[in-house]
PDB file of all heavy atoms in Angstrom:
ATOM      1  N   LEU A   1     140.258 120.364 120.235  1.00  0.00           N
ATOM      2  CA  LEU A   1     140.431 119.433 119.119  1.00  0.00           C
ATOM      3  C   LEU A   1     139.776 118.088 119.394  1.00  0.00           C
ATOM      4  O   LEU A   1     139.135 117.512 118.512  1.00  0.00           O
ATOM      5  CB  LEU A   1     141.916 119.242 118.799  1.00  0.00           C
ATOM      6  CG  LEU A   1     142.240 118.323 117.626  1.00  0.00           C
ATOM      7  CD1 LEU A   1     141.569 118.812 116.344  1.00  0.00           C
ATOM      8  CD2 LEU A   1     143.747 118.218 117.440  1.00  0.00           C
ATOM      9  N   GLU A   2     139.913 117.589 120.610  1.00  0.00           N
ATOM     10  CA  GLU A   2     139.322 116.293 120.948  1.00  0.00           C
ATOM     11  C   GLU A   2     137.800 116.305 120.812  1.00  0.00           C
ATOM     12  O   GLU A   2     137.218 115.407 120.202  1.00  0.00           O
ATOM     13  CB  GLU A   2     139.703 115.903 122.374  1.00  0.00           C
ATOM     14  CG  GLU A   2     139.185 114.552 122.777  1.00  0.00           C
ATOM     15  CD  GLU A   2     139.568 114.207 124.217  1.00  0.00           C
ATOM     16  OE1 GLU A   2     140.540 114.764 124.726  1.00  0.00           O
ATOM     17  OE2 GLU A   2     138.853 113.364 124.794  1.00  0.00           O
ATOM     18  N   SER A   3     137.149 117.347 121.333  1.00  0.00           N
ATOM     19  CA  SER A   3     135.685 117.416 121.227  1.00  0.00           C
ATOM     20  C   SER A   3     135.252 117.694 119.785  1.00  0.00           C
ATOM     21  O   SER A   3     134.214 117.213 119.344  1.00  0.00           O
ATOM     22  CB  SER A   3     135.116 118.452 122.184  1.00  0.00           C
ATOM     23  OG  SER A   3     135.650 119.735 121.937  1.00  0.00           O
ATOM     24  N   PHE A   4     136.072 118.455 119.029  1.00  0.00           N
ATOM     25  CA  PHE A   4     135.758 118.691 117.619  1.00  0.00           C
ATOM     26  C   PHE A   4     135.775 117.376 116.845  1.00  0.00           C
ATOM     27  O   PHE A   4     134.906 117.110 116.029  1.00  0.00           O
ATOM     28  CB  PHE A   4     136.743 119.687 117.001  1.00  0.00           C
ATOM     29  CG  PHE A   4     136.532 119.883 115.527  1.00  0.00           C
ATOM     30  CD1 PHE A   4     135.522 120.708 115.067  1.00  0.00           C
ATOM     31  CD2 PHE A   4     137.321 119.224 114.600  1.00  0.00           C
ATOM     32  CE1 PHE A   4     135.308 120.882 113.698  1.00  0.00           C
ATOM     33  CE2 PHE A   4     137.128 119.385 113.239  1.00  0.00           C
ATOM     34  CZ  PHE A   4     136.111 120.215 112.795  1.00  0.00           C
ATOM     35  N   ARG A   5     136.775 116.536 117.114  1.00  0.00           N
ATOM     36  CA  ARG A   5     136.852 115.237 116.428  1.00  0.00           C
ATOM     37  C   ARG A   5     135.666 114.351 116.780  1.00  0.00           C
ATOM     38  O   ARG A   5     135.147 113.636 115.923  1.00  0.00           O
ATOM     39  CB  ARG A   5     138.156 114.540 116.790  1.00  0.00           C
ATOM     40  CG  ARG A   5     139.354 115.149 116.110  1.00  0.00           C
ATOM     41  CD  ARG A   5     140.620 114.432 116.508  1.00  0.00           C
ATOM     42  NE  ARG A   5     141.747 114.943 115.741  1.00  0.00           N
ATOM     43  CZ  ARG A   5     142.997 114.651 116.023  1.00  0.00           C
ATOM     44  NH1 ARG A   5     143.288 113.859 117.030  1.00  0.00           N
ATOM     45  NH2 ARG A   5     143.963 115.153 115.289  1.00  0.00           N
ATOM     46  N   ARG A   6     135.244 114.382 118.049  1.00  0.00           N
ATOM     47  CA  ARG A   6     134.054 113.604 118.442  1.00  0.00           C
ATOM     48  C   ARG A   6     132.840 114.077 117.657  1.00  0.00           C
ATOM     49  O   ARG A   6     132.045 113.281 117.166  1.00  0.00           O
ATOM     50  CB  ARG A   6     133.790 113.773 119.950  1.00  0.00           C
ATOM     51  CG  ARG A   6     134.309 112.679 120.792  1.00  0.00           C
ATOM     52  CD  ARG A   6     133.737 112.678 122.193  1.00  0.00           C
ATOM     53  NE  ARG A   6     133.336 113.960 122.731  1.00  0.00           N
ATOM     54  CZ  ARG A   6     134.075 114.693 123.569  1.00  0.00           C
ATOM     55  NH1 ARG A   6     135.251 114.280 123.960  1.00  0.00           N
ATOM     56  NH2 ARG A   6     133.617 115.843 124.017  1.00  0.00           N
ATOM     57  N   TRP A   7     132.681 115.406 117.534  1.00  0.00           N
ATOM     58  CA  TRP A   7     131.552 115.972 116.796  1.00  0.00           C
ATOM     59  C   TRP A   7     131.651 115.609 115.311  1.00  0.00           C
ATOM     60  O   TRP A   7     130.662 115.246 114.679  1.00  0.00           O
ATOM     61  CB  TRP A   7     131.522 117.487 116.988  1.00  0.00           C
ATOM     62  CG  TRP A   7     130.446 118.201 116.243  1.00  0.00           C
ATOM     63  CD1 TRP A   7     129.110 117.965 116.309  1.00  0.00           C
ATOM     64  CD2 TRP A   7     130.607 119.278 115.324  1.00  0.00           C
ATOM     65  NE1 TRP A   7     128.434 118.838 115.483  1.00  0.00           N
ATOM     66  CE2 TRP A   7     129.329 119.654 114.875  1.00  0.00           C
ATOM     67  CE3 TRP A   7     131.709 119.980 114.851  1.00  0.00           C
ATOM     68  CZ2 TRP A   7     129.125 120.688 113.973  1.00  0.00           C
ATOM     69  CZ3 TRP A   7     131.501 121.014 113.955  1.00  0.00           C
ATOM     70  CH2 TRP A   7     130.216 121.347 113.521  1.00  0.00           C
ATOM     71  N   ALA A   8     132.869 115.690 114.749  1.00  0.00           N
ATOM     72  CA  ALA A   8     133.067 115.412 113.325  1.00  0.00           C
ATOM     73  C   ALA A   8     132.745 113.965 112.976  1.00  0.00           C
ATOM     74  O   ALA A   8     132.327 113.673 111.857  1.00  0.00           O
ATOM     75  CB  ALA A   8     134.500 115.751 112.926  1.00  0.00           C
ATOM     76  N   LYS A   9     132.939 113.050 113.914  1.00  0.00           N
ATOM     77  CA  LYS A   9     132.655 111.636 113.666  1.00  0.00           C
ATOM     78  C   LYS A   9     131.221 111.250 114.019  1.00  0.00           C
ATOM     79  O   LYS A   9     130.802 110.133 113.735  1.00  0.00           O
ATOM     80  CB  LYS A   9     133.619 110.761 114.465  1.00  0.00           C
ATOM     81  CG  LYS A   9     135.048 110.874 113.995  1.00  0.00           C
ATOM     82  CD  LYS A   9     135.964 110.043 114.854  1.00  0.00           C
ATOM     83  CE  LYS A   9     137.409 110.203 114.409  1.00  0.00           C
ATOM     84  NZ  LYS A   9     138.316 109.432 115.276  1.00  0.00           N
ATOM     85  N   SER A  10     130.482 112.161 114.617  1.00  0.00           N
ATOM     86  CA  SER A  10     129.113 111.851 115.045  1.00  0.00           C
ATOM     87  C   SER A  10     128.114 112.107 113.920  1.00  0.00           C
ATOM     88  O   SER A  10     128.441 112.689 112.882  1.00  0.00           O
ATOM     89  CB  SER A  10     128.737 112.707 116.256  1.00  0.00           C
ATOM     90  OG  SER A  10     128.506 114.049 115.870  1.00  0.00           O
ATOM     91  N   ASP A  11     126.879 111.707 114.169  1.00  0.00           N
ATOM     92  CA  ASP A  11     125.795 111.952 113.211  1.00  0.00           C
ATOM     93  C   ASP A  11     125.303 113.396 113.272  1.00  0.00           C
ATOM     94  O   ASP A  11     124.511 113.810 112.437  1.00  0.00           O
ATOM     95  CB  ASP A  11     124.619 111.010 113.488  1.00  0.00           C
ATOM     96  CG  ASP A  11     124.969 109.560 113.177  1.00  0.00           C
ATOM     97  OD1 ASP A  11     125.884 109.338 112.358  1.00  0.00           O
ATOM     98  OD2 ASP A  11     124.338 108.663 113.760  1.00  0.00           O
ATOM     99  N   GLU A  12     125.753 114.169 114.245  1.00  0.00           N
ATOM    100  CA  GLU A  12     125.332 115.570 114.389  1.00  0.00           C
ATOM    101  C   GLU A  12     125.974 116.492 113.366  1.00  0.00           C
ATOM    102  O   GLU A  12     125.460 117.568 113.090  1.00  0.00           O
ATOM    103  CB  GLU A  12     125.664 116.085 115.794  1.00  0.00           C
ATOM    104  CG  GLU A  12     124.880 115.448 116.896  1.00  0.00           C
ATOM    105  CD  GLU A  12     125.236 116.055 118.242  1.00  0.00           C
ATOM    106  OE1 GLU A  12     125.343 117.285 118.330  1.00  0.00           O
ATOM    107  OE2 GLU A  12     125.415 115.286 119.186  1.00  0.00           O
ATOM    108  N   LEU A  13     127.127 116.099 112.818  1.00  0.00           N
ATOM    109  CA  LEU A  13     127.811 116.947 111.849  1.00  0.00           C
ATOM    110  C   LEU A  13     126.977 117.024 110.566  1.00  0.00           C
ATOM    111  O   LEU A  13     126.578 115.990 110.025  1.00  0.00           O
ATOM    112  CB  LEU A  13     129.194 116.380 111.521  1.00  0.00           C
ATOM    113  CG  LEU A  13     130.074 117.274 110.656  1.00  0.00           C
ATOM    114  CD1 LEU A  13     130.611 118.441 111.474  1.00  0.00           C
ATOM    115  CD2 LEU A  13     131.220 116.474 110.067  1.00  0.00           C
ATOM    116  N   PRO A  14     126.698 118.228 110.080  1.00  0.00           N
ATOM    117  CA  PRO A  14     125.913 118.347 108.843  1.00  0.00           C
ATOM    118  C   PRO A  14     126.616 117.688 107.663  1.00  0.00           C
ATOM    119  O   PRO A  14     127.845 117.619 107.615  1.00  0.00           O
ATOM    120  CB  PRO A  14     125.822 119.864 108.632  1.00  0.00           C
ATOM    121  CG  PRO A  14     126.066 120.453 109.972  1.00  0.00           C
ATOM    122  CD  PRO A  14     127.007 119.526 110.665  1.00  0.00           C
ATOM    123  N   GLU A  15     125.825 117.201 106.721  1.00  0.00           N
ATOM    124  CA  GLU A  15     126.376 116.533 105.547  1.00  0.00           C
ATOM    125  C   GLU A  15     127.007 117.518 104.573  1.00  0.00           C
ATOM    126  O   GLU A  15     127.891 117.161 103.814  1.00  0.00           O
ATOM    127  CB  GLU A  15     125.286 115.737 104.837  1.00  0.00           C
ATOM    128  CG  GLU A  15     124.817 114.540 105.626  1.00  0.00           C
ATOM    129  CD  GLU A  15     123.779 113.731 104.882  1.00  0.00           C
ATOM    130  OE1 GLU A  15     123.657 113.881 103.650  1.00  0.00           O
ATOM    131  OE2 GLU A  15     123.097 112.930 105.530  1.00  0.00           O
ATOM    132  N   ARG A  16     126.536 118.747 104.561  1.00  0.00           N
ATOM    133  CA  ARG A  16     127.062 119.747 103.637  1.00  0.00           C
ATOM    134  C   ARG A  16     127.882 120.777 104.398  1.00  0.00           C
ATOM    135  O   ARG A  16     127.557 121.161 105.499  1.00  0.00           O
ATOM    136  CB  ARG A  16     125.931 120.467 102.908  1.00  0.00           C
ATOM    137  CG  ARG A  16     125.237 119.560 101.945  1.00  0.00           C
ATOM    138  CD  ARG A  16     124.163 120.301 101.193  1.00  0.00           C
ATOM    139  NE  ARG A  16     123.610 119.410 100.199  1.00  0.00           N
ATOM    140  CZ  ARG A  16     123.522 119.708  98.929  1.00  0.00           C
ATOM    141  NH1 ARG A  16     123.934 120.865  98.499  1.00  0.00           N
ATOM    142  NH2 ARG A  16     123.013 118.851  98.087  1.00  0.00           N
ATOM    143  N   GLY A  17     128.958 121.202 103.765  1.00  0.00           N
ATOM    144  CA  GLY A  17     129.831 122.199 104.365  1.00  0.00           C
ATOM    145  C   GLY A  17     131.190 121.602 104.679  1.00  0.00           C
ATOM    146  O   GLY A  17     131.365 120.394 104.690  1.00  0.00           O
ATOM    147  N   ARG A  18     132.145 122.496 104.907  1.00  0.00           N
ATOM    148  CA  ARG A  18     133.488 122.073 105.301  1.00  0.00           C
ATOM    149  C   ARG A  18     133.731 122.588 106.709  1.00  0.00           C
ATOM    150  O   ARG A  18     133.494 123.759 107.002  1.00  0.00           O
ATOM    151  CB  ARG A  18     134.522 122.646 104.343  1.00  0.00           C
ATOM    152  CG  ARG A  18     134.497 121.952 103.022  1.00  0.00           C
ATOM    153  CD  ARG A  18     135.624 122.454 102.127  1.00  0.00           C
ATOM    154  NE  ARG A  18     135.004 122.639 100.814  1.00  0.00           N
ATOM    155  CZ  ARG A  18     135.205 123.663 100.025  1.00  0.00           C
ATOM    156  NH1 ARG A  18     136.031 124.599 100.355  1.00  0.00           N
ATOM    157  NH2 ARG A  18     134.589 123.747  98.877  1.00  0.00           N
ATOM    158  N   PHE A  19     134.227 121.720 107.563  1.00  0.00           N
ATOM    159  CA  PHE A  19     134.414 122.045 108.966  1.00  0.00           C
ATOM    160  C   PHE A  19     135.853 121.722 109.358  1.00  0.00           C
ATOM    161  O   PHE A  19     136.338 120.626 109.069  1.00  0.00           O
ATOM    162  CB  PHE A  19     133.431 121.256 109.833  1.00  0.00           C
ATOM    163  CG  PHE A  19     132.014 121.431 109.389  1.00  0.00           C
ATOM    164  CD1 PHE A  19     131.447 120.560 108.474  1.00  0.00           C
ATOM    165  CD2 PHE A  19     131.269 122.485 109.853  1.00  0.00           C
ATOM    166  CE1 PHE A  19     130.145 120.733 108.045  1.00  0.00           C
ATOM    167  CE2 PHE A  19     129.965 122.668 109.429  1.00  0.00           C
ATOM    168  CZ  PHE A  19     129.402 121.789 108.522  1.00  0.00           C
ATOM    169  N   SER A  20     136.510 122.675 109.996  1.00  0.00           N
ATOM    170  CA  SER A  20     137.910 122.499 110.379  1.00  0.00           C
ATOM    171  C   SER A  20     138.140 123.072 111.765  1.00  0.00           C
ATOM    172  O   SER A  20     137.428 123.976 112.212  1.00  0.00           O
ATOM    173  CB  SER A  20     138.830 123.225 109.397  1.00  0.00           C
ATOM    174  OG  SER A  20     138.594 122.809 108.086  1.00  0.00           O
ATOM    175  N   PHE A  21     139.169 122.558 112.420  1.00  0.00           N
ATOM    176  CA  PHE A  21     139.600 123.094 113.706  1.00  0.00           C
ATOM    177  C   PHE A  21     141.051 123.508 113.524  1.00  0.00           C
ATOM    178  O   PHE A  21     141.924 122.688 113.269  1.00  0.00           O
ATOM    179  CB  PHE A  21     139.481 122.034 114.808  1.00  0.00           C
ATOM    180  CG  PHE A  21     139.720 122.580 116.185  1.00  0.00           C
ATOM    181  CD1 PHE A  21     138.680 123.130 116.907  1.00  0.00           C
ATOM    182  CD2 PHE A  21     140.983 122.545 116.743  1.00  0.00           C
ATOM    183  CE1 PHE A  21     138.901 123.637 118.176  1.00  0.00           C
ATOM    184  CE2 PHE A  21     141.217 123.048 118.003  1.00  0.00           C
ATOM    185  CZ  PHE A  21     140.167 123.600 118.728  1.00  0.00           C
ATOM    186  N   LEU A  22     141.325 124.810 113.611  1.00  0.00           N
ATOM    187  CA  LEU A  22     142.657 125.333 113.344  1.00  0.00           C
ATOM    188  C   LEU A  22     143.043 126.342 114.410  1.00  0.00           C
ATOM    189  O   LEU A  22     142.365 127.366 114.580  1.00  0.00           O
ATOM    190  CB  LEU A  22     142.689 125.984 111.954  1.00  0.00           C
ATOM    191  CG  LEU A  22     144.005 126.597 111.507  1.00  0.00           C
ATOM    192  CD1 LEU A  22     145.081 125.524 111.399  1.00  0.00           C
ATOM    193  CD2 LEU A  22     143.833 127.304 110.188  1.00  0.00           C
ATOM    194  N   ASP A  23     144.095 126.036 115.145  1.00  0.00           N
ATOM    195  CA  ASP A  23     144.640 126.942 116.162  1.00  0.00           C
ATOM    196  C   ASP A  23     143.567 127.405 117.152  1.00  0.00           C
ATOM    197  O   ASP A  23     143.436 128.588 117.449  1.00  0.00           O
ATOM    198  CB  ASP A  23     145.310 128.140 115.493  1.00  0.00           C
ATOM    199  CG  ASP A  23     146.161 128.943 116.457  1.00  0.00           C
ATOM    200  OD1 ASP A  23     146.649 128.363 117.448  1.00  0.00           O
ATOM    201  OD2 ASP A  23     146.324 130.162 116.232  1.00  0.00           O
ATOM    202  N   GLY A  24     142.755 126.473 117.626  1.00  0.00           N
ATOM    203  CA  GLY A  24     141.756 126.796 118.632  1.00  0.00           C
ATOM    204  C   GLY A  24     140.470 127.391 118.095  1.00  0.00           C
ATOM    205  O   GLY A  24     139.597 127.781 118.860  1.00  0.00           O
TER     206      GLY A  24
END
């Protein structure tokens, strides 16, 4: 979850699409 949040807040996350982290 911690690394997912870092990625979600970075410029690397694509502008289109929905991205979630659920139960690993």
